[in-house]
Amino acid sequence: MKYFSFQIFIHGSTFHAYLIAIAVVDVDKLRADIEKSNKKFGNFSTISKLSMMEYLCDQNVRRYFLIKLREFGSSKGLSGIEQIRNIHLLEEEFTIEAGLLTPTLKIIRIKLRDKFKDILDEMYREELNLNSTFN
């Protein structure tokens, strides 16, 4: 995943039995990878016309990224329970200036959790189905 993503914030909750994540992605590399595999991605022609925000929120784009992330995790020996089940994609990086990173570039989890609370809650409500095909 290091080739599409810059930063990943993984979140777990005692109220849910799985992990979710927010990833800052390199949109150009993600688009290029999706374009290369458009035979698996039936609606590529429509997706390529979306605005940046629509593109990053598109369920098929998120599902594609999540499948790649899970393949990477499996290749590194992660078990199913250690894998992410839903993802939110961002273009804007977490920064020190935004108060989301320490001066040593470590994430400040509580601030990320507070900033993205609504998104995290929504991701737990909407678990992506990895077994469905791309529309």
N, C-alpha and C. Protein backbone atom coordinates (compact mmCIF):
# COMPACT_ATOMS: atom_id res chain seq x y z
N MET A 1 0.81 -1.18 0.00
CA MET A 1 0.00 0.00 0.00
C MET A 1 0.86 1.25 0.00
N LYS A 2 2.12 1.13 0.27
CA LYS A 2 2.96 2.32 0.34
C LYS A 2 3.00 3.06 -0.98
N TYR A 3 2.63 2.39 -2.06
CA TYR A 3 2.68 3.08 -3.34
C TYR A 3 1.43 3.91 -3.62
N PHE A 4 0.31 3.74 -2.91
CA PHE A 4 -0.87 4.60 -3.09
C PHE A 4 -1.10 5.50 -1.90
N SER A 5 -0.59 5.16 -0.73
CA SER A 5 -1.00 5.90 0.46
C SER A 5 0.18 6.57 1.14
N PHE A 6 -0.10 7.74 1.71
CA PHE A 6 0.91 8.49 2.45
C PHE A 6 0.78 8.22 3.94
N GLN A 7 -0.46 8.24 4.42
CA GLN A 7 -0.72 8.08 5.85
C GLN A 7 -1.99 7.26 6.03
N ILE A 8 -2.01 6.44 7.08
CA ILE A 8 -3.22 5.68 7.40
C ILE A 8 -3.45 5.77 8.90
N PHE A 9 -4.67 6.15 9.26
CA PHE A 9 -5.11 6.17 10.65
C PHE A 9 -6.06 5.00 10.83
N ILE A 10 -5.65 4.01 11.61
CA ILE A 10 -6.48 2.82 11.85
C ILE A 10 -7.19 3.01 13.17
N HIS A 11 -8.50 2.74 13.16
CA HIS A 11 -9.32 2.98 14.34
C HIS A 11 -10.04 1.69 14.74
N GLY A 12 -10.01 1.40 16.02
CA GLY A 12 -10.76 0.29 16.57
C GLY A 12 -11.64 0.78 17.70
N SER A 13 -12.75 0.13 17.89
CA SER A 13 -13.70 0.52 18.93
C SER A 13 -14.06 -0.70 19.76
N THR A 14 -14.25 -0.49 21.04
CA THR A 14 -14.65 -1.61 21.90
C THR A 14 -16.08 -2.05 21.60
N PHE A 15 -16.82 -1.22 20.85
CA PHE A 15 -18.21 -1.54 20.52
C PHE A 15 -18.34 -2.31 19.20
N HIS A 16 -17.24 -2.47 18.48
CA HIS A 16 -17.27 -3.16 17.19
C HIS A 16 -16.13 -4.17 17.12
N ALA A 17 -16.38 -5.26 16.41
CA ALA A 17 -15.41 -6.36 16.36
C ALA A 17 -14.46 -6.26 15.17
N TYR A 18 -14.33 -5.08 14.59
CA TYR A 18 -13.44 -4.94 13.44
C TYR A 18 -12.85 -3.54 13.38
N LEU A 19 -11.82 -3.41 12.54
CA LEU A 19 -11.09 -2.15 12.39
C LEU A 19 -11.55 -1.40 11.14
N ILE A 20 -11.46 -0.07 11.23
CA ILE A 20 -11.71 0.79 10.08
C ILE A 20 -10.52 1.74 9.95
N ALA A 21 -10.43 2.46 8.83
CA ALA A 21 -9.27 3.33 8.64
C ALA A 21 -9.62 4.54 7.78
N ILE A 22 -8.81 5.57 7.98
CA ILE A 22 -8.83 6.75 7.12
C ILE A 22 -7.45 6.82 6.48
N ALA A 23 -7.41 6.87 5.16
CA ALA A 23 -6.12 6.86 4.45
C ALA A 23 -5.97 8.12 3.61
N VAL A 24 -4.79 8.70 3.70
CA VAL A 24 -4.41 9.81 2.81
C VAL A 24 -3.72 9.16 1.62
N VAL A 25 -4.29 9.36 0.44
CA VAL A 25 -3.81 8.64 -0.74
C VAL A 25 -3.18 9.55 -1.78
N ASP A 26 -2.34 8.94 -2.60
CA ASP A 26 -1.81 9.60 -3.79
C ASP A 26 -2.83 9.31 -4.90
N VAL A 27 -3.69 10.27 -5.15
CA VAL A 27 -4.81 10.07 -6.06
C VAL A 27 -4.33 9.70 -7.47
N ASP A 28 -3.27 10.33 -7.93
CA ASP A 28 -2.77 10.03 -9.28
C ASP A 28 -2.34 8.57 -9.40
N LYS A 29 -1.64 8.06 -8.39
CA LYS A 29 -1.20 6.66 -8.44
C LYS A 29 -2.39 5.71 -8.31
N LEU A 30 -3.36 6.08 -7.47
CA LEU A 30 -4.55 5.25 -7.33
C LEU A 30 -5.32 5.21 -8.65
N ARG A 31 -5.53 6.37 -9.26
CA ARG A 31 -6.22 6.43 -10.56
C ARG A 31 -5.49 5.58 -11.61
N ALA A 32 -4.17 5.70 -11.65
CA ALA A 32 -3.38 4.95 -12.63
C ALA A 32 -3.54 3.45 -12.41
N ASP A 33 -3.54 3.01 -11.15
CA ASP A 33 -3.68 1.59 -10.86
C ASP A 33 -5.07 1.10 -11.25
N ILE A 34 -6.08 1.90 -10.95
CA ILE A 34 -7.44 1.52 -11.33
C ILE A 34 -7.56 1.47 -12.86
N GLU A 35 -6.96 2.44 -13.52
CA GLU A 35 -7.00 2.46 -14.99
C GLU A 35 -6.34 1.21 -15.58
N LYS A 36 -5.22 0.78 -14.98
CA LYS A 36 -4.54 -0.43 -15.46
C LYS A 36 -5.41 -1.66 -15.30
N SER A 37 -6.22 -1.69 -14.27
CA SER A 37 -7.03 -2.88 -14.01
C SER A 37 -8.49 -2.63 -14.35
N ASN A 38 -8.77 -1.78 -15.33
CA ASN A 38 -10.16 -1.44 -15.64
C ASN A 38 -10.99 -2.61 -16.13
N LYS A 39 -10.35 -3.69 -16.52
CA LYS A 39 -11.13 -4.87 -16.91
C LYS A 39 -11.89 -5.43 -15.71
N LYS A 40 -11.36 -5.21 -14.49
CA LYS A 40 -12.04 -5.66 -13.27
C LYS A 40 -12.97 -4.57 -12.74
N PHE A 41 -12.89 -3.39 -13.31
CA PHE A 41 -13.55 -2.22 -12.77
C PHE A 41 -14.53 -1.71 -13.82
N GLY A 42 -15.70 -2.32 -13.88
CA GLY A 42 -16.65 -2.09 -14.95
C GLY A 42 -17.03 -0.66 -15.23
N ASN A 43 -17.12 0.20 -14.21
CA ASN A 43 -17.58 1.57 -14.44
C ASN A 43 -16.43 2.57 -14.48
N PHE A 44 -15.27 2.15 -14.94
CA PHE A 44 -14.10 3.04 -14.97
C PHE A 44 -14.38 4.32 -15.76
N SER A 45 -15.08 4.21 -16.88
CA SER A 45 -15.32 5.40 -17.70
C SER A 45 -16.12 6.45 -16.93
N THR A 46 -17.06 6.03 -16.11
CA THR A 46 -17.82 7.00 -15.30
C THR A 46 -16.99 7.51 -14.14
N ILE A 47 -16.25 6.63 -13.51
CA ILE A 47 -15.45 7.02 -12.34
C ILE A 47 -14.39 8.04 -12.73
N SER A 48 -13.81 7.89 -13.90
CA SER A 48 -12.74 8.81 -14.29
C SER A 48 -13.25 10.24 -14.49
N LYS A 49 -14.56 10.42 -14.61
CA LYS A 49 -15.14 11.75 -14.82
C LYS A 49 -15.59 12.42 -13.52
N LEU A 50 -15.46 11.73 -12.41
CA LEU A 50 -15.92 12.28 -11.13
C LEU A 50 -14.98 13.37 -10.63
N SER A 51 -15.53 14.30 -9.84
CA SER A 51 -14.69 15.29 -9.17
C SER A 51 -13.81 14.56 -8.16
N MET A 52 -12.79 15.23 -7.66
CA MET A 52 -11.87 14.60 -6.70
C MET A 52 -12.62 14.08 -5.47
N MET A 53 -13.51 14.90 -4.91
CA MET A 53 -14.26 14.49 -3.71
C MET A 53 -15.16 13.30 -4.02
N GLU A 54 -15.87 13.34 -5.14
CA GLU A 54 -16.74 12.23 -5.53
C GLU A 54 -15.92 10.96 -5.76
N TYR A 55 -14.77 11.12 -6.38
CA TYR A 55 -13.89 9.99 -6.67
C TYR A 55 -13.45 9.30 -5.37
N LEU A 56 -12.98 10.10 -4.41
CA LEU A 56 -12.49 9.52 -3.16
C LEU A 56 -13.61 8.91 -2.32
N CYS A 57 -14.84 9.39 -2.51
CA CYS A 57 -15.98 8.86 -1.76
C CYS A 57 -16.68 7.71 -2.49
N ASP A 58 -16.35 7.50 -3.75
CA ASP A 58 -17.01 6.46 -4.54
C ASP A 58 -16.79 5.09 -3.91
N GLN A 59 -17.88 4.36 -3.73
CA GLN A 59 -17.80 3.07 -3.04
C GLN A 59 -16.90 2.08 -3.79
N ASN A 60 -16.92 2.09 -5.11
CA ASN A 60 -16.07 1.16 -5.86
C ASN A 60 -14.59 1.51 -5.74
N VAL A 61 -14.26 2.79 -5.72
CA VAL A 61 -12.87 3.21 -5.54
C VAL A 61 -12.40 2.80 -4.15
N ARG A 62 -13.24 3.05 -3.15
CA ARG A 62 -12.89 2.67 -1.78
C ARG A 62 -12.74 1.16 -1.65
N ARG A 63 -13.65 0.41 -2.28
CA ARG A 63 -13.58 -1.05 -2.23
C ARG A 63 -12.29 -1.54 -2.90
N TYR A 64 -11.94 -0.96 -4.04
CA TYR A 64 -10.71 -1.33 -4.75
C TYR A 64 -9.49 -1.10 -3.84
N PHE A 65 -9.42 0.09 -3.23
CA PHE A 65 -8.31 0.41 -2.34
C PHE A 65 -8.27 -0.56 -1.16
N LEU A 66 -9.43 -0.85 -0.59
CA LEU A 66 -9.50 -1.75 0.55
C LEU A 66 -9.06 -3.16 0.19
N ILE A 67 -9.45 -3.63 -0.97
CA ILE A 67 -9.01 -4.96 -1.42
C ILE A 67 -7.49 -4.99 -1.55
N LYS A 68 -6.91 -3.94 -2.15
CA LYS A 68 -5.45 -3.86 -2.28
C LYS A 68 -4.78 -3.81 -0.90
N LEU A 69 -5.37 -3.05 0.01
CA LEU A 69 -4.84 -2.94 1.37
C LEU A 69 -4.88 -4.29 2.08
N ARG A 70 -5.98 -5.02 1.92
CA ARG A 70 -6.11 -6.33 2.56
C ARG A 70 -5.15 -7.35 1.92
N GLU A 71 -4.95 -7.27 0.62
CA GLU A 71 -3.97 -8.15 -0.03
C GLU A 71 -2.58 -7.90 0.53
N PHE A 72 -2.24 -6.62 0.70
CA PHE A 72 -0.95 -6.25 1.27
C PHE A 72 -0.84 -6.77 2.70
N GLY A 73 -1.89 -6.59 3.50
CA GLY A 73 -1.89 -7.08 4.88
C GLY A 73 -1.72 -8.59 4.95
N SER A 74 -2.42 -9.31 4.09
CA SER A 74 -2.30 -10.77 4.05
C SER A 74 -0.88 -11.19 3.68
N SER A 75 -0.27 -10.46 2.74
CA SER A 75 1.09 -10.81 2.33
C SER A 75 2.10 -10.58 3.46
N LYS A 76 1.72 -9.75 4.43
CA LYS A 76 2.59 -9.49 5.58
C LYS A 76 2.19 -10.33 6.80
N GLY A 77 1.25 -11.26 6.60
CA GLY A 77 0.89 -12.19 7.66
C GLY A 77 -0.21 -11.74 8.60
N LEU A 78 -0.96 -10.70 8.25
CA LEU A 78 -2.05 -10.26 9.13
C LEU A 78 -3.22 -11.24 9.04
N SER A 79 -3.82 -11.53 10.17
CA SER A 79 -4.99 -12.40 10.19
C SER A 79 -6.23 -11.57 9.86
N GLY A 80 -7.34 -12.24 9.65
CA GLY A 80 -8.59 -11.55 9.30
C GLY A 80 -9.01 -10.51 10.31
N ILE A 81 -8.84 -10.80 11.59
CA ILE A 81 -9.26 -9.85 12.63
C ILE A 81 -8.37 -8.61 12.68
N GLU A 82 -7.16 -8.73 12.15
CA GLU A 82 -6.23 -7.59 12.13
C GLU A 82 -6.40 -6.72 10.87
N GLN A 83 -7.28 -7.15 9.98
CA GLN A 83 -7.46 -6.45 8.71
C GLN A 83 -8.55 -5.37 8.82
N ILE A 84 -8.42 -4.35 8.00
CA ILE A 84 -9.38 -3.25 7.93
C ILE A 84 -10.63 -3.73 7.19
N ARG A 85 -11.82 -3.29 7.67
CA ARG A 85 -13.06 -3.67 7.00
C ARG A 85 -13.74 -2.53 6.26
N ASN A 86 -13.34 -1.31 6.54
CA ASN A 86 -13.90 -0.17 5.81
C ASN A 86 -12.87 0.94 5.79
N ILE A 87 -12.95 1.79 4.77
CA ILE A 87 -11.93 2.82 4.57
C ILE A 87 -12.58 4.11 4.08
N HIS A 88 -12.00 5.21 4.51
CA HIS A 88 -12.37 6.53 4.00
C HIS A 88 -11.10 7.11 3.40
N LEU A 89 -11.20 7.64 2.19
CA LEU A 89 -10.02 8.15 1.49
C LEU A 89 -9.99 9.67 1.50
N LEU A 90 -8.80 10.21 1.74
CA LEU A 90 -8.58 11.66 1.74
C LEU A 90 -7.41 11.99 0.83
N GLU A 91 -7.39 13.23 0.36
CA GLU A 91 -6.24 13.72 -0.39
C GLU A 91 -5.35 14.59 0.50
N GLU A 92 -5.97 15.29 1.44
CA GLU A 92 -5.24 16.22 2.31
C GLU A 92 -4.53 15.48 3.44
N GLU A 93 -3.22 15.69 3.54
CA GLU A 93 -2.42 14.98 4.54
C GLU A 93 -2.68 15.49 5.96
N PHE A 94 -2.44 14.61 6.93
CA PHE A 94 -2.45 15.00 8.34
C PHE A 94 -1.17 15.81 8.56
N THR A 95 -1.28 16.97 9.20
CA THR A 95 -0.11 17.83 9.38
C THR A 95 0.05 18.29 10.82
N ILE A 96 1.24 18.77 11.13
CA ILE A 96 1.52 19.37 12.44
C ILE A 96 0.68 20.63 12.58
N GLU A 97 0.62 21.44 11.51
CA GLU A 97 -0.12 22.70 11.54
C GLU A 97 -1.61 22.49 11.83
N ALA A 98 -2.16 21.40 11.36
CA ALA A 98 -3.57 21.10 11.61
C ALA A 98 -3.77 20.50 13.00
N GLY A 99 -2.67 20.25 13.72
CA GLY A 99 -2.76 19.68 15.06
C GLY A 99 -2.98 18.18 15.08
N LEU A 100 -2.74 17.52 13.95
CA LEU A 100 -3.00 16.08 13.85
C LEU A 100 -1.74 15.24 13.98
N LEU A 101 -0.56 15.89 13.95
CA LEU A 101 0.72 15.20 14.10
C LEU A 101 1.55 15.91 15.16
N THR A 102 2.39 15.14 15.83
CA THR A 102 3.35 15.73 16.77
C THR A 102 4.53 16.28 15.97
N PRO A 103 5.43 17.04 16.61
CA PRO A 103 6.62 17.52 15.90
C PRO A 103 7.51 16.39 15.37
N THR A 104 7.38 15.19 15.95
CA THR A 104 8.15 14.04 15.44
C THR A 104 7.34 13.22 14.43
N LEU A 105 6.23 13.81 13.94
CA LEU A 105 5.38 13.24 12.89
C LEU A 105 4.61 11.99 13.30
N LYS A 106 4.35 11.85 14.59
CA LYS A 106 3.47 10.77 15.06
C LYS A 106 2.04 11.30 15.07
N ILE A 107 1.09 10.43 14.72
CA ILE A 107 -0.30 10.90 14.71
C ILE A 107 -0.80 11.11 16.13
N ILE A 108 -1.67 12.07 16.28
CA ILE A 108 -2.33 12.32 17.57
C ILE A 108 -3.72 11.70 17.45
N ARG A 109 -3.82 10.46 17.91
CA ARG A 109 -5.02 9.65 17.70
C ARG A 109 -6.30 10.31 18.19
N ILE A 110 -6.25 10.90 19.38
CA ILE A 110 -7.47 11.49 19.94
C ILE A 110 -7.96 12.66 19.08
N LYS A 111 -7.03 13.44 18.52
CA LYS A 111 -7.44 14.56 17.66
C LYS A 111 -7.99 14.05 16.33
N LEU A 112 -7.37 13.01 15.78
CA LEU A 112 -7.90 12.42 14.55
C LEU A 112 -9.28 11.83 14.79
N ARG A 113 -9.42 11.13 15.91
CA ARG A 113 -10.72 10.53 16.24
C ARG A 113 -11.79 11.61 16.39
N ASP A 114 -11.45 12.71 17.07
CA ASP A 114 -12.42 13.80 17.25
C ASP A 114 -12.76 14.47 15.91
N LYS A 115 -11.75 14.75 15.11
CA LYS A 115 -11.96 15.43 13.82
C LYS A 115 -12.83 14.59 12.87
N PHE A 116 -12.62 13.28 12.88
CA PHE A 116 -13.31 12.41 11.93
C PHE A 116 -14.41 11.56 12.58
N LYS A 117 -14.92 12.00 13.73
CA LYS A 117 -15.91 11.22 14.48
C LYS A 117 -17.11 10.81 13.61
N ASP A 118 -17.70 11.76 12.90
CA ASP A 118 -18.87 11.46 12.08
C ASP A 118 -18.54 10.46 10.97
N ILE A 119 -17.39 10.60 10.36
CA ILE A 119 -16.96 9.69 9.30
C ILE A 119 -16.72 8.29 9.87
N LEU A 120 -16.07 8.21 11.03
CA LEU A 120 -15.82 6.92 11.67
C LEU A 120 -17.14 6.23 12.01
N ASP A 121 -18.09 6.98 12.57
CA ASP A 121 -19.40 6.41 12.90
C ASP A 121 -20.10 5.88 11.65
N GLU A 122 -20.04 6.66 10.57
CA GLU A 122 -20.67 6.24 9.31
C GLU A 122 -20.00 4.98 8.75
N MET A 123 -18.69 4.89 8.86
CA MET A 123 -17.99 3.70 8.35
C MET A 123 -18.40 2.45 9.12
N TYR A 124 -18.64 2.57 10.42
CA TYR A 124 -19.09 1.40 11.17
C TYR A 124 -20.50 1.00 10.74
N ARG A 125 -21.33 1.98 10.37
CA ARG A 125 -22.69 1.66 9.91
C ARG A 125 -22.67 1.01 8.53
N GLU A 126 -21.72 1.42 7.68
CA GLU A 126 -21.68 0.96 6.30
C GLU A 126 -20.44 0.11 6.07
N GLU A 127 -20.50 -1.15 6.42
CA GLU A 127 -19.36 -2.03 6.18
C GLU A 127 -19.31 -2.36 4.69
N LEU A 128 -18.16 -2.11 4.04
CA LEU A 128 -18.04 -2.39 2.61
C LEU A 128 -18.09 -3.89 2.36
N ASN A 129 -18.84 -4.28 1.34
CA ASN A 129 -18.92 -5.68 0.97
C ASN A 129 -17.82 -5.97 -0.05
N LEU A 130 -16.80 -6.68 0.37
CA LEU A 130 -15.67 -6.96 -0.52
C LEU A 130 -15.98 -8.05 -1.54
N ASN A 131 -17.05 -8.79 -1.31
CA ASN A 131 -17.36 -9.89 -2.22
C ASN A 131 -18.21 -9.46 -3.41
N SER A 132 -18.79 -8.26 -3.35
CA SER A 132 -19.61 -7.84 -4.48
C SER A 132 -18.70 -7.37 -5.62
N THR A 133 -19.24 -7.42 -6.82
CA THR A 133 -18.45 -7.01 -7.98
C THR A 133 -18.50 -5.50 -8.14
N PHE A 134 -17.55 -4.96 -8.88
CA PHE A 134 -17.54 -3.52 -9.15
C PHE A 134 -18.63 -3.22 -10.16
N ASN A 135 -19.42 -2.18 -9.90
CA ASN A 135 -20.52 -1.82 -10.80
C ASN A 135 -20.01 -0.98 -11.93
